[in-house]
């Protein structure tokens, strides 16, 4: 599984990355977490508001920081 954190590195982007890492650990799943900070790459995915989270190439959320529990629900 590949989880992408799309954002320029703002505090909200950092928090989303932290929550994603914690959710992966708590859920006990194997996942690679990648930070995508290049604006062109973010826009190619159709994201207009950051931070955003994509799982296996599918954008699941944009414009908000998901909680650990919300991310865990998406991992199942």
PDB file of N, CA and C in Angstrom:
ATOM      1  N   UNK A   1       0.845  -1.169   0.000  1.00  0.00           N
ATOM      2  CA  UNK A   1       0.000   0.000   0.000  1.00  0.00           C
ATOM      3  C   UNK A   1       0.896   1.239   0.000  1.00  0.00           C
ATOM      4  N   UNK A   2       0.495   2.224  -0.775  1.00  0.00           N
ATOM      5  CA  UNK A   2       1.248   3.480  -0.839  1.00  0.00           C
ATOM      6  C   UNK A   2       0.332   4.622  -0.403  1.00  0.00           C
ATOM      7  N   UNK A   3       0.777   5.358   0.609  1.00  0.00           N
ATOM      8  CA  UNK A   3       0.040   6.512   1.111  1.00  0.00           C
ATOM      9  C   UNK A   3       0.834   7.749   0.743  1.00  0.00           C
ATOM     10  N   UNK A   4       0.172   8.682   0.089  1.00  0.00           N
ATOM     11  CA  UNK A   4       0.822   9.928  -0.287  1.00  0.00           C
ATOM     12  C   UNK A   4       0.221  11.077   0.519  1.00  0.00           C
ATOM     13  N   UNK A   5       1.108  11.895   1.078  1.00  0.00           N
ATOM     14  CA  UNK A   5       0.709  13.123   1.758  1.00  0.00           C
ATOM     15  C   UNK A   5       1.033  14.239   0.777  1.00  0.00           C
ATOM     16  N   UNK A   6       0.001  14.908   0.283  1.00  0.00           N
ATOM     17  CA  UNK A   6       0.187  15.961  -0.710  1.00  0.00           C
ATOM     18  C   UNK A   6       0.087  17.318  -0.037  1.00  0.00           C
ATOM     19  N   UNK A   7       1.163  18.066  -0.098  1.00  0.00           N
ATOM     20  CA  UNK A   7       1.199  19.384   0.513  1.00  0.00           C
ATOM     21  C   UNK A   7       2.605  19.946   0.485  1.00  0.00           C
ATOM     22  N   UNK A   8       2.708  21.227   0.718  1.00  0.00           N
ATOM     23  CA  UNK A   8       3.987  21.924   0.582  1.00  0.00           C
ATOM     24  C   UNK A   8       4.863  21.861   1.826  1.00  0.00           C
ATOM     25  N   UNK A   9       4.389  21.222   2.867  1.00  0.00           N
ATOM     26  CA  UNK A   9       5.183  21.117   4.085  1.00  0.00           C
ATOM     27  C   UNK A   9       4.710  22.032   5.202  1.00  0.00           C
ATOM     28  N   UNK A  10       3.516  22.565   5.066  1.00  0.00           N
ATOM     29  CA  UNK A  10       2.947  23.432   6.099  1.00  0.00           C
ATOM     30  C   UNK A  10       2.684  22.619   7.374  1.00  0.00           C
ATOM     31  N   UNK A  11       2.416  23.278   8.493  1.00  0.00           N
ATOM     32  CA  UNK A  11       2.155  22.547   9.739  1.00  0.00           C
ATOM     33  C   UNK A  11       1.012  21.530   9.621  1.00  0.00           C
ATOM     34  N   UNK A  12      -0.025  21.857   8.867  1.00  0.00           N
ATOM     35  CA  UNK A  12      -1.136  20.909   8.690  1.00  0.00           C
ATOM     36  C   UNK A  12      -0.677  19.680   7.905  1.00  0.00           C
ATOM     37  N   UNK A  13       0.184  19.891   6.925  1.00  0.00           N
ATOM     38  CA  UNK A  13       0.720  18.778   6.133  1.00  0.00           C
ATOM     39  C   UNK A  13       1.566  17.859   7.013  1.00  0.00           C
ATOM     40  N   UNK A  14       2.364  18.458   7.876  1.00  0.00           N
ATOM     41  CA  UNK A  14       3.203  17.692   8.790  1.00  0.00           C
ATOM     42  C   UNK A  14       2.336  16.876   9.742  1.00  0.00           C
ATOM     43  N   UNK A  15       1.284  17.476  10.260  1.00  0.00           N
ATOM     44  CA  UNK A  15       0.381  16.782  11.186  1.00  0.00           C
ATOM     45  C   UNK A  15      -0.322  15.620  10.486  1.00  0.00           C
ATOM     46  N   UNK A  16      -0.747  15.812   9.241  1.00  0.00           N
ATOM     47  CA  UNK A  16      -1.397  14.737   8.498  1.00  0.00           C
ATOM     48  C   UNK A  16      -0.427  13.577   8.299  1.00  0.00           C
ATOM     49  N   UNK A  17       0.826  13.870   8.000  1.00  0.00           N
ATOM     50  CA  UNK A  17       1.835  12.822   7.833  1.00  0.00           C
ATOM     51  C   UNK A  17       2.039  12.056   9.141  1.00  0.00           C
ATOM     52  N   UNK A  18       2.086  12.786  10.258  1.00  0.00           N
ATOM     53  CA  UNK A  18       2.233  12.146  11.567  1.00  0.00           C
ATOM     54  C   UNK A  18       1.038  11.237  11.862  1.00  0.00           C
ATOM     55  N   UNK A  19      -0.160  11.736  11.592  1.00  0.00           N
ATOM     56  CA  UNK A  19      -1.370  10.939  11.832  1.00  0.00           C
ATOM     57  C   UNK A  19      -1.400   9.699  10.946  1.00  0.00           C
ATOM     58  N   UNK A  20      -0.961   9.829   9.701  1.00  0.00           N
ATOM     59  CA  UNK A  20      -0.940   8.685   8.783  1.00  0.00           C
ATOM     60  C   UNK A  20       0.036   7.628   9.285  1.00  0.00           C
ATOM     61  N   UNK A  21       1.207   8.047   9.728  1.00  0.00           N
ATOM     62  CA  UNK A  21       2.201   7.096  10.227  1.00  0.00           C
ATOM     63  C   UNK A  21       1.669   6.360  11.458  1.00  0.00           C
ATOM     64  N   UNK A  22       1.019   7.090  12.345  1.00  0.00           N
ATOM     65  CA  UNK A  22       0.452   6.478  13.541  1.00  0.00           C
ATOM     66  C   UNK A  22      -0.675   5.514  13.181  1.00  0.00           C
ATOM     67  N   UNK A  23      -1.513   5.901  12.238  1.00  0.00           N
ATOM     68  CA  UNK A  23      -2.623   5.041  11.804  1.00  0.00           C
ATOM     69  C   UNK A  23      -2.103   3.738  11.206  1.00  0.00           C
ATOM     70  N   UNK A  24      -1.042   3.820  10.414  1.00  0.00           N
ATOM     71  CA  UNK A  24      -0.449   2.616   9.811  1.00  0.00           C
ATOM     72  C   UNK A  24       0.062   1.694  10.914  1.00  0.00           C
ATOM     73  N   UNK A  25       0.769   2.269  11.893  1.00  0.00           N
ATOM     74  CA  UNK A  25       1.289   1.458  12.999  1.00  0.00           C
ATOM     75  C   UNK A  25       0.164   0.803  13.794  1.00  0.00           C
ATOM     76  N   UNK A  26      -0.862   1.601  14.138  1.00  0.00           N
ATOM     77  CA  UNK A  26      -1.961   1.072  14.951  1.00  0.00           C
ATOM     78  C   UNK A  26      -2.772   0.034  14.206  1.00  0.00           C
ATOM     79  N   UNK A  27      -2.935   0.202  12.896  1.00  0.00           N
ATOM     80  CA  UNK A  27      -3.718  -0.739  12.100  1.00  0.00           C
ATOM     81  C   UNK A  27      -2.923  -2.009  11.785  1.00  0.00           C
ATOM     82  N   UNK A  28      -1.603  -1.923  11.937  1.00  0.00           N
ATOM     83  CA  UNK A  28      -0.765  -3.084  11.678  1.00  0.00           C
ATOM     84  C   UNK A  28      -0.681  -3.458  10.208  1.00  0.00           C
ATOM     85  N   UNK A  29      -0.750  -2.457   9.339  1.00  0.00           N
ATOM     86  CA  UNK A  29      -0.667  -2.729   7.894  1.00  0.00           C
ATOM     87  C   UNK A  29       0.705  -2.321   7.365  1.00  0.00           C
ATOM     88  N   UNK A  30       1.060  -2.903   6.238  1.00  0.00           N
ATOM     89  CA  UNK A  30       2.299  -2.536   5.565  1.00  0.00           C
ATOM     90  C   UNK A  30       1.983  -1.396   4.610  1.00  0.00           C
ATOM     91  N   UNK A  31       2.673  -0.289   4.754  1.00  0.00           N
ATOM     92  CA  UNK A  31       2.426   0.850   3.875  1.00  0.00           C
ATOM     93  C   UNK A  31       3.677   1.702   3.763  1.00  0.00           C
ATOM     94  N   UNK A  32       3.850   2.249   2.574  1.00  0.00           N
ATOM     95  CA  UNK A  32       4.913   3.216   2.329  1.00  0.00           C
ATOM     96  C   UNK A  32       4.263   4.596   2.368  1.00  0.00           C
ATOM     97  N   UNK A  33       4.827   5.499   3.158  1.00  0.00           N
ATOM     98  CA  UNK A  33       4.285   6.856   3.236  1.00  0.00           C
ATOM     99  C   UNK A  33       5.244   7.784   2.504  1.00  0.00           C
ATOM    100  N   UNK A  34       4.693   8.493   1.516  1.00  0.00           N
ATOM    101  CA  UNK A  34       5.492   9.373   0.667  1.00  0.00           C
ATOM    102  C   UNK A  34       4.927  10.784   0.769  1.00  0.00           C
ATOM    103  N   UNK A  35       5.820  11.760   0.902  1.00  0.00           N
ATOM    104  CA  UNK A  35       5.393  13.158   0.909  1.00  0.00           C
ATOM    105  C   UNK A  35       5.587  13.727  -0.491  1.00  0.00           C
ATOM    106  N   UNK A  36       4.515  14.295  -1.039  1.00  0.00           N
ATOM    107  CA  UNK A  36       4.553  14.931  -2.358  1.00  0.00           C
ATOM    108  C   UNK A  36       4.449  16.428  -2.124  1.00  0.00           C
ATOM    109  N   UNK A  37       5.532  17.152  -2.403  1.00  0.00           N
ATOM    110  CA  UNK A  37       5.557  18.587  -2.102  1.00  0.00           C
ATOM    111  C   UNK A  37       5.581  19.459  -3.355  1.00  0.00           C
ATOM    112  N   UNK A  38       5.794  18.866  -4.503  1.00  0.00           N
ATOM    113  CA  UNK A  38       5.870  19.621  -5.757  1.00  0.00           C
ATOM    114  C   UNK A  38       4.457  20.008  -6.204  1.00  0.00           C
ATOM    115  N   UNK A  39       4.212  21.298  -6.340  1.00  0.00           N
ATOM    116  CA  UNK A  39       2.872  21.808  -6.675  1.00  0.00           C
ATOM    117  C   UNK A  39       2.331  21.174  -7.962  1.00  0.00           C
ATOM    118  N   UNK A  40       3.157  21.028  -8.969  1.00  0.00           N
ATOM    119  CA  UNK A  40       2.686  20.445 -10.238  1.00  0.00           C
ATOM    120  C   UNK A  40       2.195  19.010 -10.048  1.00  0.00           C
ATOM    121  N   UNK A  41       2.917  18.250  -9.237  1.00  0.00           N
ATOM    122  CA  UNK A  41       2.512  16.870  -8.980  1.00  0.00           C
ATOM    123  C   UNK A  41       1.201  16.823  -8.198  1.00  0.00           C
ATOM    124  N   UNK A  42       1.052  17.735  -7.251  1.00  0.00           N
ATOM    125  CA  UNK A  42      -0.180  17.802  -6.457  1.00  0.00           C
ATOM    126  C   UNK A  42      -1.360  18.144  -7.372  1.00  0.00           C
ATOM    127  N   UNK A  43      -1.165  19.114  -8.248  1.00  0.00           N
ATOM    128  CA  UNK A  43      -2.241  19.540  -9.149  1.00  0.00           C
ATOM    129  C   UNK A  43      -2.593  18.452 -10.169  1.00  0.00           C
ATOM    130  N   UNK A  44      -1.629  17.640 -10.562  1.00  0.00           N
ATOM    131  CA  UNK A  44      -1.898  16.534 -11.495  1.00  0.00           C
ATOM    132  C   UNK A  44      -2.904  15.557 -10.919  1.00  0.00           C
ATOM    133  N   UNK A  45      -2.951  15.476  -9.603  1.00  0.00           N
ATOM    134  CA  UNK A  45      -3.895  14.575  -8.944  1.00  0.00           C
ATOM    135  C   UNK A  45      -5.252  15.237  -8.727  1.00  0.00           C
ATOM    136  N   UNK A  46      -5.391  16.487  -9.168  1.00  0.00           N
ATOM    137  CA  UNK A  46      -6.663  17.181  -9.044  1.00  0.00           C
ATOM    138  C   UNK A  46      -6.889  17.824  -7.690  1.00  0.00           C
ATOM    139  N   UNK A  47      -5.849  17.913  -6.897  1.00  0.00           N
ATOM    140  CA  UNK A  47      -5.973  18.487  -5.553  1.00  0.00           C
ATOM    141  C   UNK A  47      -5.814  20.000  -5.634  1.00  0.00           C
ATOM    142  N   UNK A  48      -6.793  20.710  -5.113  1.00  0.00           N
ATOM    143  CA  UNK A  48      -6.749  22.177  -5.101  1.00  0.00           C
ATOM    144  C   UNK A  48      -6.522  22.714  -3.689  1.00  0.00           C
ATOM    145  N   UNK A  49      -6.789  21.893  -2.682  1.00  0.00           N
ATOM    146  CA  UNK A  49      -6.614  22.306  -1.289  1.00  0.00           C
ATOM    147  C   UNK A  49      -5.747  21.285  -0.571  1.00  0.00           C
ATOM    148  N   UNK A  50      -4.737  21.781   0.121  1.00  0.00           N
ATOM    149  CA  UNK A  50      -3.866  20.890   0.878  1.00  0.00           C
ATOM    150  C   UNK A  50      -4.098  21.113   2.368  1.00  0.00           C
ATOM    151  N   UNK A  51      -3.757  20.166   3.206  1.00  0.00           N
ATOM    152  CA  UNK A  51      -3.126  18.909   2.863  1.00  0.00           C
ATOM    153  C   UNK A  51      -4.125  17.933   2.267  1.00  0.00           C
ATOM    154  N   UNK A  52      -3.595  16.965   1.532  1.00  0.00           N
ATOM    155  CA  UNK A  52      -4.436  15.923   0.955  1.00  0.00           C
ATOM    156  C   UNK A  52      -3.785  14.576   1.226  1.00  0.00           C
ATOM    157  N   UNK A  53      -4.602  13.550   1.216  1.00  0.00           N
ATOM    158  CA  UNK A  53      -4.116  12.195   1.441  1.00  0.00           C
ATOM    159  C   UNK A  53      -4.620  11.314   0.311  1.00  0.00           C
ATOM    160  N   UNK A  54      -3.704  10.558  -0.282  1.00  0.00           N
ATOM    161  CA  UNK A  54      -4.061   9.606  -1.337  1.00  0.00           C
ATOM    162  C   UNK A  54      -3.585   8.217  -0.916  1.00  0.00           C
ATOM    163  N   UNK A  55      -4.397   7.229  -1.206  1.00  0.00           N
ATOM    164  CA  UNK A  55      -4.037   5.839  -0.930  1.00  0.00           C
ATOM    165  C   UNK A  55      -4.058   5.087  -2.249  1.00  0.00           C
ATOM    166  N   UNK A  56      -2.915   4.504  -2.585  1.00  0.00           N
ATOM    167  CA  UNK A  56      -2.748   3.777  -3.843  1.00  0.00           C
ATOM    168  C   UNK A  56      -3.215   4.600  -5.041  1.00  0.00           C
ATOM    169  N   UNK A  57      -2.852   5.884  -5.040  1.00  0.00           N
ATOM    170  CA  UNK A  57      -3.127   6.763  -6.168  1.00  0.00           C
ATOM    171  C   UNK A  57      -4.497   7.412  -6.180  1.00  0.00           C
ATOM    172  N   UNK A  58      -5.357   7.070  -5.224  1.00  0.00           N
ATOM    173  CA  UNK A  58      -6.710   7.631  -5.166  1.00  0.00           C
ATOM    174  C   UNK A  58      -6.774   8.658  -4.035  1.00  0.00           C
ATOM    175  N   UNK A  59      -7.124   9.898  -4.377  1.00  0.00           N
ATOM    176  CA  UNK A  59      -7.233  10.945  -3.368  1.00  0.00           C
ATOM    177  C   UNK A  59      -8.450  10.660  -2.491  1.00  0.00           C
ATOM    178  N   UNK A  60      -8.202  10.527  -1.198  1.00  0.00           N
ATOM    179  CA  UNK A  60      -9.265  10.211  -0.239  1.00  0.00           C
ATOM    180  C   UNK A  60      -9.755  11.431   0.522  1.00  0.00           C
ATOM    181  N   UNK A  61      -8.897  12.455   0.620  1.00  0.00           N
ATOM    182  CA  UNK A  61      -9.256  13.647   1.383  1.00  0.00           C
ATOM    183  C   UNK A  61      -8.385  14.804   0.941  1.00  0.00           C
ATOM    184  N   UNK A  62      -8.960  16.010   0.956  1.00  0.00           N
ATOM    185  CA  UNK A  62      -8.145  17.199   0.704  1.00  0.00           C
ATOM    186  C   UNK A  62      -8.709  18.363   1.500  1.00  0.00           C
ATOM    187  N   UNK A  63      -7.802  19.237   1.901  1.00  0.00           N
ATOM    188  CA  UNK A  63      -8.200  20.454   2.600  1.00  0.00           C
ATOM    189  C   UNK A  63      -8.405  20.325   4.088  1.00  0.00           C
ATOM    190  N   UNK A  64      -8.081  19.144   4.660  1.00  0.00           N
ATOM    191  CA  UNK A  64      -8.223  19.021   6.112  1.00  0.00           C
ATOM    192  C   UNK A  64      -7.249  17.980   6.648  1.00  0.00           C
ATOM    193  N   UNK A  65      -7.020  18.064   7.937  1.00  0.00           N
ATOM    194  CA  UNK A  65      -6.163  17.106   8.616  1.00  0.00           C
ATOM    195  C   UNK A  65      -7.049  15.991   9.158  1.00  0.00           C
ATOM    196  N   UNK A  66      -6.887  14.800   8.595  1.00  0.00           N
ATOM    197  CA  UNK A  66      -7.657  13.654   9.073  1.00  0.00           C
ATOM    198  C   UNK A  66      -7.108  13.166  10.404  1.00  0.00           C
ATOM    199  N   UNK A  67      -7.993  12.660  11.244  1.00  0.00           N
ATOM    200  CA  UNK A  67      -7.556  12.086  12.516  1.00  0.00           C
ATOM    201  C   UNK A  67      -6.967  10.697  12.269  1.00  0.00           C
ATOM    202  N   UNK A  68      -6.281  10.184  13.264  1.00  0.00           N
ATOM    203  CA  UNK A  68      -5.725   8.835  13.172  1.00  0.00           C
ATOM    204  C   UNK A  68      -6.845   7.833  12.909  1.00  0.00           C
ATOM    205  N   UNK A  69      -7.949   7.988  13.605  1.00  0.00           N
ATOM    206  CA  UNK A  69      -9.079   7.058  13.455  1.00  0.00           C
ATOM    207  C   UNK A  69      -9.676   7.125  12.045  1.00  0.00           C
ATOM    208  N   UNK A  70      -9.794   8.315  11.486  1.00  0.00           N
ATOM    209  CA  UNK A  70     -10.329   8.456  10.126  1.00  0.00           C
ATOM    210  C   UNK A  70      -9.413   7.764   9.114  1.00  0.00           C
ATOM    211  N   UNK A  71      -8.122   7.915   9.290  1.00  0.00           N
ATOM    212  CA  UNK A  71      -7.176   7.283   8.363  1.00  0.00           C
ATOM    213  C   UNK A  71      -7.222   5.760   8.526  1.00  0.00           C
ATOM    214  N   UNK A  72      -7.280   5.284   9.766  1.00  0.00           N
ATOM    215  CA  UNK A  72      -7.352   3.840  10.000  1.00  0.00           C
ATOM    216  C   UNK A  72      -8.572   3.232   9.306  1.00  0.00           C
ATOM    217  N   UNK A  73      -9.689   3.943   9.318  1.00  0.00           N
ATOM    218  CA  UNK A  73     -10.901   3.440   8.665  1.00  0.00           C
ATOM    219  C   UNK A  73     -10.693   3.308   7.159  1.00  0.00           C
ATOM    220  N   UNK A  74      -9.889   4.202   6.580  1.00  0.00           N
ATOM    221  CA  UNK A  74      -9.610   4.138   5.144  1.00  0.00           C
ATOM    222  C   UNK A  74      -8.639   3.016   4.790  1.00  0.00           C
ATOM    223  N   UNK A  75      -7.869   2.573   5.742  1.00  0.00           N
ATOM    224  CA  UNK A  75      -6.874   1.543   5.489  1.00  0.00           C
ATOM    225  C   UNK A  75      -7.464   0.140   5.466  1.00  0.00           C
ATOM    226  N   UNK A  76      -8.669   0.004   5.944  1.00  0.00           N
ATOM    227  CA  UNK A  76      -9.294  -1.343   6.025  1.00  0.00           C
ATOM    228  C   UNK A  76      -9.945  -1.722   4.715  1.00  0.00           C
TER     229      UNK A  76
END
